[in-house]
Amino acid sequence: MIDPIALPTVGRIVHLHDPDHIDPFPAIVVGVGPGKLSIAYLHVFLHDGARALEDVAHASEAHDGEPYWDWMPYQKGQAAKTEELQAALDKQREKLSEQKQRAQIHEERFQKMGELHTHPHLGPGGPERAVALDNEMGSELSKTQASTPSREDGKR
């Protein structure tokens, strides 16, 4: 499978690995093939000049003895950093979503409790209804708090 950097596009610089040489050669993508991983035309810079290659496969699809293209180590490193930052961002979004959910539960709880306590005619069982509602809302709140580490857990 292709590295999660990007699909090859015209103008990108890649490395060409030739089985006859130890070090890779720099190359510019001149044309992209019909497959997402194939490069139809690649302009390769060799130590004795330049040459053009056709239908060069990605490292993941190359056969033994054939030259293949791959991303440069720098490009792979940048992709890894991007993935790391994306994972951290996703974690923060999840954390904010949990905090928002807890805030909504608190808001609902205080709103309902305020309505019961300020209502002039609680009627029969009014205080008991207020206590039952408080317990009900408290159990909803404890469900979300149980799934979220506290400061005492040492995870924040």
Protein backbone atom coordinates (compact mmCIF):
# COMPACT_ATOMS: atom_id res chain seq x y z
CA MET A 1 0.00 0.00 0.00
CA ILE A 2 1.16 3.54 -0.70
CA ASP A 3 2.50 5.61 2.15
CA PRO A 4 -0.18 8.02 3.42
CA ILE A 5 1.73 11.04 2.09
CA ALA A 6 -0.10 11.85 -1.11
CA LEU A 7 -0.74 10.40 -4.49
CA PRO A 8 1.98 11.06 -7.04
CA THR A 9 1.27 14.16 -9.10
CA VAL A 10 3.13 15.87 -11.90
CA GLY A 11 6.04 17.91 -10.55
CA ARG A 12 6.60 15.94 -7.35
CA ILE A 13 10.10 14.81 -6.54
CA VAL A 14 10.51 11.15 -5.59
CA HIS A 15 13.34 8.64 -5.30
CA LEU A 16 13.96 6.01 -7.94
CA HIS A 17 15.47 2.81 -6.56
CA ASP A 18 17.42 0.85 -9.14
CA PRO A 19 18.50 -2.69 -8.20
CA ASP A 20 21.87 -2.08 -9.93
CA HIS A 21 22.73 0.83 -7.60
CA ILE A 22 22.92 1.17 -3.83
CA ASP A 23 21.70 4.75 -3.47
CA PRO A 24 18.40 6.00 -4.89
CA PHE A 25 18.27 8.60 -7.65
CA PRO A 26 16.22 11.79 -7.52
CA ALA A 27 13.40 11.90 -10.03
CA ILE A 28 10.60 14.22 -11.07
CA VAL A 29 7.15 12.91 -11.88
CA VAL A 30 6.40 13.97 -15.47
CA GLY A 31 3.21 11.97 -16.01
CA VAL A 32 0.89 9.93 -13.83
CA GLY A 33 -0.49 6.59 -14.97
CA PRO A 34 -4.08 5.36 -14.80
CA GLY A 35 -3.43 3.49 -11.55
CA LYS A 36 -3.07 5.57 -8.42
CA LEU A 37 0.36 4.11 -7.64
CA SER A 38 1.86 4.00 -11.09
CA ILE A 39 3.89 6.79 -12.60
CA ALA A 40 3.64 6.79 -16.37
CA TYR A 41 6.69 8.98 -16.95
CA LEU A 42 9.54 9.71 -14.60
CA HIS A 43 12.53 11.95 -15.35
CA VAL A 44 15.48 10.48 -13.43
CA PHE A 45 18.70 12.34 -12.64
CA LEU A 46 21.64 9.93 -12.79
CA HIS A 47 25.29 10.57 -12.01
CA ASP A 48 26.08 10.53 -15.75
CA GLY A 49 23.06 12.46 -17.02
CA ALA A 50 19.31 12.17 -17.07
CA ARG A 51 16.96 9.63 -18.56
CA ALA A 52 13.25 9.06 -18.81
CA LEU A 53 11.49 5.96 -17.54
CA GLU A 54 7.98 4.77 -18.32
CA ASP A 55 5.51 2.85 -16.18
CA VAL A 56 7.41 2.85 -12.90
CA ALA A 57 5.68 1.03 -10.05
CA HIS A 58 5.58 2.09 -6.40
CA ALA A 59 7.74 0.15 -3.94
CA SER A 60 4.68 -1.73 -2.71
CA GLU A 61 3.92 -3.08 -6.20
CA ALA A 62 7.43 -3.55 -7.62
CA HIS A 63 8.72 -6.91 -8.74
CA ASP A 64 12.22 -8.17 -7.96
CA GLY A 65 14.86 -6.76 -10.25
CA GLU A 66 12.74 -3.85 -11.46
CA PRO A 67 13.33 -0.21 -10.61
CA TYR A 68 10.65 1.35 -8.42
CA TRP A 69 9.81 4.75 -6.98
CA ASP A 70 9.24 5.71 -3.37
CA TRP A 71 8.86 8.86 -1.32
CA MET A 72 11.98 10.51 0.09
CA PRO A 73 12.73 9.94 3.81
CA TYR A 74 11.99 13.63 4.51
CA GLN A 75 8.54 13.27 2.94
CA LYS A 76 7.88 10.16 5.01
CA GLY A 77 9.00 11.99 8.17
CA GLN A 78 6.69 14.92 7.44
CA ALA A 79 3.79 12.52 6.88
CA ALA A 80 4.52 10.83 10.21
CA LYS A 81 4.53 14.21 12.00
CA THR A 82 1.25 15.12 10.33
CA GLU A 83 -0.33 11.84 11.44
CA GLU A 84 0.93 12.42 14.99
CA LEU A 85 -0.53 15.93 15.08
CA GLN A 86 -3.83 14.68 13.63
CA ALA A 87 -4.04 11.99 16.33
CA ALA A 88 -3.41 14.61 19.04
CA LEU A 89 -6.05 16.88 17.51
CA ASP A 90 -8.58 14.03 17.40
CA LYS A 91 -7.85 13.27 21.06
CA GLN A 92 -8.43 16.92 22.03
CA ARG A 93 -11.69 17.00 20.05
CA GLU A 94 -12.87 13.89 21.91
CA LYS A 95 -11.91 15.44 25.24
CA LEU A 96 -13.76 18.67 24.40
CA SER A 97 -16.81 16.69 23.33
CA GLU A 98 -16.86 14.88 26.70
CA GLN A 99 -16.50 18.18 28.55
CA LYS A 100 -19.35 19.67 26.53
CA GLN A 101 -21.54 16.67 27.33
CA ARG A 102 -20.81 17.02 31.06
CA ALA A 103 -21.54 20.77 30.89
CA GLN A 104 -24.91 20.07 29.22
CA ILE A 105 -25.82 17.58 31.95
CA HIS A 106 -24.90 20.14 34.61
CA GLU A 107 -26.94 22.80 32.80
CA GLU A 108 -30.01 20.54 32.57
CA ARG A 109 -29.67 19.52 36.21
CA PHE A 110 -29.52 23.10 37.49
CA GLN A 111 -32.30 24.19 35.18
CA LYS A 112 -34.66 21.42 36.36
CA MET A 113 -33.74 21.92 40.01
CA GLY A 114 -34.28 25.66 39.68
CA GLU A 115 -37.73 25.10 38.16
CA LEU A 116 -38.78 22.79 41.01
CA HIS A 117 -37.42 24.92 43.82
CA THR A 118 -38.77 28.21 42.53
CA HIS A 119 -42.21 26.92 41.56
CA PRO A 120 -44.73 28.40 44.03
CA HIS A 121 -46.93 25.28 44.08
CA LEU A 122 -44.85 22.16 44.30
CA GLY A 123 -47.94 20.32 45.35
CA PRO A 124 -48.00 17.01 47.22
CA GLY A 125 -44.65 15.28 47.18
CA GLY A 126 -42.88 18.37 45.86
CA PRO A 127 -39.73 18.11 47.98
CA GLU A 128 -39.59 14.37 47.38
CA ARG A 129 -39.81 14.99 43.60
CA ALA A 130 -36.97 17.48 43.89
CA VAL A 131 -34.79 14.95 45.76
CA ALA A 132 -35.66 12.18 43.26
CA LEU A 133 -34.80 14.45 40.34
CA ASP A 134 -31.56 15.44 42.01
CA ASN A 135 -30.64 11.75 42.46
CA GLU A 136 -31.61 10.95 38.87
CA MET A 137 -29.54 13.78 37.44
CA GLY A 138 -26.66 12.89 39.77
CA SER A 139 -26.59 9.33 38.46
CA GLU A 140 -26.47 10.64 34.85
CA LEU A 141 -23.59 12.87 35.81
CA SER A 142 -21.72 10.05 37.56
CA LYS A 143 -21.95 7.91 34.39
CA THR A 144 -19.99 10.49 32.41
CA GLN A 145 -17.57 11.16 35.26
CA ALA A 146 -16.80 7.46 35.59
CA SER A 147 -15.57 7.34 31.99
CA THR A 148 -13.41 10.44 32.39
CA PRO A 149 -10.17 10.26 34.40
CA SER A 150 -9.93 12.68 37.30
CA ARG A 151 -6.95 14.74 38.40
CA GLU A 152 -6.40 12.27 41.23
CA ASP A 153 -5.92 9.46 38.68
CA GLY A 154 -2.80 11.27 37.46
CA LYS A 155 -3.94 11.15 33.86
CA ARG A 156 -4.51 14.84 33.27
